[in-house]
Amino acid sequence: MLRSPSGSAGEFSIHSDRSSEHKSHHVFAIFVACCTFFIVLLFTTGAFGHKLGLFVNQSMSLSDKYNLHKFQLDVTPAEWSFMQTGVIYLWQGIWLGYGVSLICRQTPEGYVYVLYPVLPPILYIVYSFSLACNVAWLLIWDKEYMEVALIFINLMSVTLYICLGISMRRLSEMGHDMVRNKLTKDMWTIRLLVQNGIGFYAAWGTVAGIFNFAIVLTYRTGLGDGSAGDEEEVGSTVSLIIFSLLILSWFILDVFIFEESLRYLVMPYIATLISIIAIISKNWNPNNRNAIFTLLLCCATFVLTIVKCSVSGWRHYNKPIYSQTKKYRRPLVNVEGRNLLQEQ
């Protein structure tokens, strides 16, 4: 039986009725996220948008859909790299399905999603907004309003990172309690399925934002005239520099600052590596400075990925975050605190 931190079963029973009831606002937030995700799938396939006349481009090919043939830059990825969106959306559907399943799971003390709101309503609302930004980006990108599209793709990525932060903070607050009450499988499901799925999506959005930024810098600011030459390379060079700084900043945050929260988050590295390899495969030219830059960035990212995995693996075995035997570093979430979390 679950007990309050003070050990009083009676104190817990006073509040347990609240955990045995569904939270309508929580269920509604999950429903909104699932509906929004379904709309994204309809627009991503292209068929639905074409039938409604929302897309200017009538081609169903990835090259035409993302204007890869029109905007030839040194950071333009190969067409095959956009096929990873299928994996991303499949992953999102699976973790949303897990979120729905929590509504149906009940313990003697109450519903799991109420007792342990690691995926709170605010996460689903912010995630729904991110999905809406994805749809807006597709529509605006299709009409080639690149400056506006850049805003929406960055909004999509930022809100996905916010979702990650929300989930990781909640898991940090409730992790010890979940381990103590034998919900370790759920903890790992959230880490590997939910957080890595959102991280994969966010990293892909970041790369798409870099590509979008390079287009705006080259074709909309007068930096380049669209012809091959040094002027056009500048936009790609600036974008690669920003991309490099983002990768380095993420690695520092990951390994040195928020290591415990980000320890098991690896998909942003994988998505980044896939995208960089796609850029090299399309634009490799040993006489091009941006091609050399991209190759060096790929090697550096690969090394950072190996370091990340090695450090995380070593700390997993030698410095576990949650342990059944060691003294807890922070008190368990008490009943009153948990009820406050349920209201959010």
Protein backbone atom coordinates (compact mmCIF):
# COMPACT_ATOMS: atom_id res chain seq x y z
CA MET A 1 0.00 0.00 0.00
CA LEU A 2 1.22 3.49 -0.87
CA ARG A 3 1.82 5.61 2.20
CA SER A 4 2.49 9.26 2.69
CA PRO A 5 6.08 10.25 3.53
CA SER A 6 5.12 10.61 7.17
CA GLY A 7 4.13 6.94 7.18
CA SER A 8 0.52 7.61 8.14
CA ALA A 9 -1.88 5.47 6.16
CA GLY A 10 -4.77 7.49 7.55
CA GLU A 11 -3.39 10.74 6.20
CA PHE A 12 -3.11 9.22 2.75
CA SER A 13 -6.64 7.86 2.80
CA ILE A 14 -8.00 11.34 3.44
CA HIS A 15 -6.68 12.46 0.03
CA SER A 16 -6.83 9.19 -1.90
CA ASP A 17 -10.38 9.83 -3.13
CA ARG A 18 -9.02 12.57 -5.35
CA SER A 19 -6.70 10.09 -7.06
CA SER A 20 -9.49 7.58 -7.72
CA GLU A 21 -11.34 10.03 -9.96
CA HIS A 22 -10.53 11.06 -13.52
CA LYS A 23 -9.29 14.60 -14.09
CA SER A 24 -11.40 16.00 -16.92
CA HIS A 25 -8.95 18.75 -17.82
CA HIS A 26 -6.12 16.22 -18.05
CA VAL A 27 -8.13 13.85 -20.25
CA PHE A 28 -9.23 16.78 -22.44
CA ALA A 29 -5.61 17.88 -22.92
CA ILE A 30 -4.66 14.37 -24.08
CA PHE A 31 -7.63 14.34 -26.46
CA VAL A 32 -6.62 17.70 -27.96
CA ALA A 33 -3.04 16.50 -28.49
CA CYS A 34 -4.22 13.32 -30.23
CA CYS A 35 -6.61 15.26 -32.51
CA THR A 36 -3.93 17.80 -33.40
CA PHE A 37 -1.48 15.01 -34.17
CA PHE A 38 -4.03 13.40 -36.49
CA ILE A 39 -4.40 16.70 -38.34
CA VAL A 40 -0.61 16.92 -38.72
CA LEU A 41 -0.59 13.45 -40.27
CA LEU A 42 -3.25 14.50 -42.77
CA PHE A 43 -1.29 17.57 -43.84
CA THR A 44 2.08 15.81 -43.84
CA THR A 45 0.95 13.21 -46.36
CA GLY A 46 -0.10 16.09 -48.61
CA ALA A 47 -3.21 14.41 -50.01
CA PHE A 48 -5.61 16.13 -47.60
CA GLY A 49 -4.12 19.58 -48.19
CA HIS A 50 -4.17 19.10 -51.96
CA LYS A 51 -7.83 18.12 -51.96
CA LEU A 52 -8.68 21.30 -50.06
CA GLY A 53 -6.49 23.38 -52.36
CA LEU A 54 -4.28 24.52 -49.50
CA PHE A 55 -1.00 23.60 -51.20
CA VAL A 56 0.32 25.49 -54.20
CA ASN A 57 2.75 22.74 -55.07
CA GLN A 58 0.79 19.81 -56.48
CA SER A 59 3.72 17.39 -56.56
CA MET A 60 3.82 14.63 -53.97
CA SER A 61 7.60 14.11 -54.18
CA LEU A 62 9.73 15.06 -51.19
CA SER A 63 12.05 17.13 -53.38
CA ASP A 64 9.20 19.31 -54.59
CA LYS A 65 7.40 19.31 -51.25
CA TYR A 66 10.37 20.84 -49.43
CA ASN A 67 11.60 22.89 -52.42
CA LEU A 68 14.92 21.05 -52.40
CA HIS A 69 15.26 21.50 -56.17
CA LYS A 70 14.71 25.25 -56.01
CA PHE A 71 16.92 26.28 -53.09
CA GLN A 72 20.31 24.80 -53.88
CA LEU A 73 22.53 25.68 -50.96
CA ASP A 74 25.53 24.06 -49.34
CA VAL A 75 23.30 23.11 -46.40
CA THR A 76 20.51 21.62 -48.51
CA PRO A 77 20.04 18.04 -47.27
CA ALA A 78 19.56 15.05 -49.54
CA GLU A 79 15.96 14.12 -50.24
CA TRP A 80 16.23 10.82 -48.39
CA SER A 81 16.85 12.61 -45.07
CA PHE A 82 13.26 13.87 -45.00
CA MET A 83 12.07 10.27 -44.93
CA GLN A 84 13.01 10.22 -41.24
CA THR A 85 9.87 12.27 -40.64
CA GLY A 86 7.95 9.02 -41.07
CA VAL A 87 9.87 7.52 -38.15
CA ILE A 88 9.37 10.70 -36.12
CA TYR A 89 5.60 10.74 -36.59
CA LEU A 90 5.35 7.01 -35.88
CA TRP A 91 7.28 7.60 -32.64
CA GLN A 92 4.97 10.48 -31.70
CA GLY A 93 1.92 8.29 -32.28
CA ILE A 94 3.33 5.55 -30.07
CA TRP A 95 4.09 7.80 -27.10
CA LEU A 96 0.71 9.51 -27.41
CA GLY A 97 -0.81 6.03 -27.32
CA TYR A 98 1.10 5.42 -24.10
CA GLY A 99 -0.33 8.66 -22.70
CA VAL A 100 -3.84 7.48 -23.57
CA SER A 101 -3.18 4.10 -21.94
CA LEU A 102 -2.38 5.80 -18.62
CA ILE A 103 -5.99 6.98 -18.45
CA CYS A 104 -7.09 3.35 -18.22
CA ARG A 105 -4.47 2.16 -15.74
CA GLN A 106 -5.53 2.13 -12.13
CA THR A 107 -3.89 1.04 -8.89
CA PRO A 108 -5.66 0.48 -5.54
CA GLU A 109 -4.75 4.07 -4.67
CA GLY A 110 -6.04 5.64 -7.90
CA TYR A 111 -5.26 6.27 -11.54
CA VAL A 112 -1.57 6.26 -12.47
CA TYR A 113 -1.73 9.51 -14.47
CA VAL A 114 -3.35 11.24 -11.47
CA LEU A 115 -0.99 9.82 -8.85
CA TYR A 116 2.09 10.54 -10.96
CA PRO A 117 1.40 13.36 -13.43
CA VAL A 118 4.80 13.14 -15.11
CA LEU A 119 2.98 13.99 -18.35
CA PRO A 120 0.81 16.86 -17.06
CA PRO A 121 -1.92 18.68 -19.01
CA ILE A 122 0.36 21.64 -19.73
CA LEU A 123 2.73 19.31 -21.60
CA TYR A 124 -0.05 18.14 -23.91
CA ILE A 125 -1.24 21.72 -24.49
CA VAL A 126 2.24 22.99 -25.37
CA TYR A 127 2.76 19.90 -27.54
CA SER A 128 -0.50 20.60 -29.38
CA PHE A 129 0.67 24.16 -30.05
CA SER A 130 3.93 22.77 -31.42
CA LEU A 131 2.01 20.47 -33.77
CA ALA A 132 -0.09 23.43 -34.93
CA CYS A 133 3.13 25.30 -35.71
CA ASN A 134 4.24 22.31 -37.78
CA VAL A 135 1.09 22.51 -39.90
CA ALA A 136 1.47 26.28 -40.27
CA TRP A 137 5.09 25.83 -41.33
CA LEU A 138 4.13 23.31 -44.03
CA LEU A 139 1.46 25.62 -45.47
CA ILE A 140 3.61 28.76 -45.36
CA TRP A 141 6.70 26.96 -46.67
CA ASP A 142 4.66 25.68 -49.61
CA LYS A 143 3.77 29.27 -50.54
CA GLU A 144 7.44 30.27 -50.13
CA TYR A 145 6.90 32.91 -47.44
CA MET A 146 10.25 31.91 -46.04
CA GLU A 147 10.61 34.65 -43.43
CA VAL A 148 7.28 33.73 -41.84
CA ALA A 149 8.00 30.02 -42.20
CA LEU A 150 11.23 30.54 -40.25
CA ILE A 151 9.24 31.91 -37.31
CA PHE A 152 6.90 28.91 -37.20
CA ILE A 153 9.59 26.23 -37.54
CA ASN A 154 11.52 27.83 -34.68
CA LEU A 155 8.36 28.07 -32.59
CA MET A 156 7.76 24.39 -33.22
CA SER A 157 11.25 23.45 -32.05
CA VAL A 158 11.26 25.74 -29.00
CA THR A 159 7.91 24.45 -27.76
CA LEU A 160 9.08 20.87 -28.20
CA TYR A 161 12.10 21.62 -26.04
CA ILE A 162 9.72 23.15 -23.49
CA CYS A 163 7.77 19.88 -23.49
CA LEU A 164 11.02 18.04 -22.79
CA GLY A 165 11.77 20.38 -19.91
CA ILE A 166 8.33 19.89 -18.39
CA SER A 167 8.54 16.10 -18.57
CA MET A 168 12.07 15.96 -17.20
CA ARG A 169 11.31 18.24 -14.30
CA ARG A 170 8.25 16.19 -13.33
CA LEU A 171 10.20 12.95 -13.61
CA SER A 172 12.95 14.43 -11.44
CA GLU A 173 10.36 15.38 -8.80
CA MET A 174 8.56 12.03 -8.81
CA GLY A 175 11.26 9.56 -9.87
CA HIS A 176 12.18 8.38 -6.39
CA ASP A 177 8.53 7.90 -5.53
CA MET A 178 7.92 5.93 -8.74
CA VAL A 179 10.89 3.63 -8.06
CA ARG A 180 9.80 3.07 -4.47
CA ASN A 181 6.30 2.11 -5.62
CA LYS A 182 7.56 -0.26 -8.36
CA LEU A 183 6.76 1.92 -11.37
CA THR A 184 10.28 1.67 -12.77
CA LYS A 185 8.99 0.39 -16.12
CA ASP A 186 6.88 3.49 -16.52
CA MET A 187 9.85 5.67 -15.66
CA TRP A 188 11.92 4.01 -18.40
CA THR A 189 9.03 4.19 -20.86
CA ILE A 190 8.83 7.93 -20.31
CA ARG A 191 12.57 8.32 -20.71
CA LEU A 192 12.99 6.20 -23.83
CA LEU A 193 9.64 6.55 -25.54
CA VAL A 194 8.28 9.98 -24.61
CA GLN A 195 11.39 12.07 -24.03
CA ASN A 196 13.50 10.57 -26.82
CA GLY A 197 10.54 10.76 -29.21
CA ILE A 198 10.02 14.46 -28.51
CA GLY A 199 13.80 15.01 -28.59
CA PHE A 200 14.03 13.40 -32.03
CA TYR A 201 11.22 15.64 -33.28
CA ALA A 202 12.78 18.78 -31.76
CA ALA A 203 16.22 18.06 -33.24
CA TRP A 204 14.74 17.52 -36.70
CA GLY A 205 12.89 20.82 -36.36
CA THR A 206 16.15 22.52 -35.39
CA VAL A 207 17.89 21.23 -38.51
CA ALA A 208 14.94 22.29 -40.69
CA GLY A 209 15.14 25.72 -39.06
CA ILE A 210 18.84 25.99 -40.00
CA PHE A 211 17.98 25.17 -43.62
CA ASN A 212 15.13 27.69 -43.56
CA PHE A 213 17.44 30.34 -42.07
CA ALA A 214 20.03 29.76 -44.79
CA ILE A 215 17.36 30.29 -47.45
CA VAL A 216 16.21 33.55 -45.87
CA LEU A 217 19.78 34.77 -45.46
CA THR A 218 20.72 33.95 -49.04
CA TYR A 219 17.61 34.67 -51.08
CA ARG A 220 15.68 37.23 -49.03
CA THR A 221 18.31 39.55 -47.58
CA GLY A 222 20.34 40.30 -50.68
CA LEU A 223 23.32 38.42 -49.29
CA GLY A 224 23.37 36.25 -52.38
CA ASP A 225 21.83 36.55 -55.84
CA GLY A 226 20.89 32.87 -56.16
CA SER A 227 23.79 32.12 -58.51
CA ALA A 228 26.73 29.91 -57.71
CA GLY A 229 29.63 31.78 -56.18
CA ASP A 230 31.22 33.07 -53.01
CA GLU A 231 28.29 35.34 -52.13
CA GLU A 232 25.86 32.44 -52.04
CA GLU A 233 28.22 30.40 -49.86
CA VAL A 234 28.13 33.04 -47.13
CA GLY A 235 24.55 32.20 -46.12
CA SER A 236 25.43 28.51 -45.77
CA THR A 237 28.60 29.32 -43.84
CA VAL A 238 26.76 31.51 -41.34
CA SER A 239 24.11 28.81 -40.89
CA LEU A 240 26.76 26.14 -40.30
CA ILE A 241 28.46 28.31 -37.69
CA ILE A 242 25.16 28.78 -35.85
CA PHE A 243 24.47 25.05 -36.15
CA SER A 244 27.89 24.27 -34.68
CA LEU A 245 27.29 26.59 -31.72
CA LEU A 246 23.90 24.97 -31.08
CA ILE A 247 25.42 21.48 -31.08
CA LEU A 248 28.22 22.54 -28.72
CA SER A 249 25.78 24.34 -26.41
CA TRP A 250 23.52 21.29 -26.25
CA PHE A 251 26.48 19.04 -25.43
CA ILE A 252 27.56 21.33 -22.57
CA LEU A 253 24.03 21.47 -21.16
CA ASP A 254 23.69 17.72 -21.57
CA VAL A 255 26.92 16.46 -20.06
CA PHE A 256 27.84 19.17 -17.54
CA ILE A 257 24.77 21.10 -16.38
CA PHE A 258 21.58 19.02 -16.69
CA GLU A 259 23.28 15.64 -16.89
CA GLU A 260 20.86 13.74 -14.66
CA SER A 261 17.80 14.99 -16.51
CA LEU A 262 19.31 14.46 -19.98
CA ARG A 263 21.30 11.30 -19.23
CA TYR A 264 19.12 8.99 -21.30
CA LEU A 265 18.25 11.44 -24.09
CA VAL A 266 20.26 10.37 -27.17
CA MET A 267 17.97 10.88 -30.17
CA PRO A 268 18.86 14.57 -30.72
CA TYR A 269 22.42 13.42 -31.47
CA ILE A 270 21.18 10.72 -33.85
CA ALA A 271 18.86 13.09 -35.71
CA THR A 272 21.65 15.66 -36.01
CA LEU A 273 24.12 13.11 -37.37
CA ILE A 274 21.61 11.85 -39.95
CA SER A 275 20.95 15.40 -41.14
CA ILE A 276 24.64 16.32 -41.40
CA ILE A 277 25.38 13.13 -43.34
CA ALA A 278 22.50 14.00 -45.68
CA ILE A 279 24.00 17.45 -46.30
CA ILE A 280 27.40 15.91 -47.10
CA SER A 281 25.93 13.27 -49.39
CA LYS A 282 24.21 15.94 -51.48
CA ASN A 283 26.82 18.68 -51.51
CA TRP A 284 30.22 17.04 -51.14
CA ASN A 285 32.91 18.87 -53.04
CA PRO A 286 36.50 18.78 -51.75
CA ASN A 287 37.08 22.23 -53.21
CA ASN A 288 34.14 23.80 -51.38
CA ARG A 289 34.81 25.36 -47.97
CA ASN A 290 31.31 24.63 -46.69
CA ALA A 291 31.63 20.97 -47.67
CA ILE A 292 34.87 20.73 -45.64
CA PHE A 293 33.19 22.62 -42.78
CA THR A 294 30.25 20.20 -42.84
CA LEU A 295 32.57 17.17 -42.84
CA LEU A 296 34.46 18.52 -39.82
CA LEU A 297 31.15 19.24 -38.09
CA CYS A 298 30.04 15.66 -38.78
CA CYS A 299 33.24 14.27 -37.26
CA ALA A 300 32.93 16.54 -34.23
CA THR A 301 29.28 15.60 -33.71
CA PHE A 302 30.16 11.92 -33.96
CA VAL A 303 32.86 12.32 -31.31
CA LEU A 304 30.47 14.26 -29.04
CA THR A 305 27.89 11.49 -29.48
CA ILE A 306 30.41 8.84 -28.46
CA VAL A 307 31.47 10.91 -25.44
CA LYS A 308 27.84 11.48 -24.48
CA CYS A 309 26.98 7.77 -24.64
CA SER A 310 30.16 6.77 -22.81
CA VAL A 311 29.69 9.27 -20.01
CA SER A 312 26.00 8.41 -19.64
CA GLY A 313 26.76 4.69 -19.58
CA TRP A 314 29.48 5.09 -16.95
CA ARG A 315 27.30 7.28 -14.74
CA HIS A 316 24.35 4.92 -15.13
CA TYR A 317 26.31 2.14 -13.43
CA ASN A 318 28.46 4.17 -11.06
CA LYS A 319 26.22 7.12 -10.18
CA PRO A 320 22.61 5.95 -10.49
CA ILE A 321 20.02 8.69 -10.25
CA TYR A 322 17.56 6.61 -8.23
CA SER A 323 18.69 3.91 -5.86
CA GLN A 324 16.74 1.66 -3.56
CA THR A 325 19.61 1.43 -1.09
CA LYS A 326 21.07 4.92 -0.82
CA LYS A 327 19.56 7.77 1.10
CA TYR A 328 17.21 9.90 -0.95
CA ARG A 329 18.68 13.26 -1.88
CA ARG A 330 15.30 14.96 -1.78
CA PRO A 331 12.11 14.04 0.07
CA LEU A 332 9.45 12.09 -1.73
CA VAL A 333 6.62 14.07 -3.24
CA ASN A 334 4.19 14.38 -0.34
CA VAL A 335 0.48 14.00 -0.64
CA GLU A 336 -0.23 17.72 -0.50
CA GLY A 337 2.42 18.45 -3.10
CA ARG A 338 1.10 15.73 -5.36
CA ASN A 339 -2.43 17.13 -5.13
CA LEU A 340 -1.12 20.54 -6.14
CA LEU A 341 0.56 18.96 -9.17
CA GLN A 342 -2.70 17.26 -10.09
CA GLU A 343 -4.46 20.63 -10.22
CA GLN A 344 -1.97 22.01 -12.78
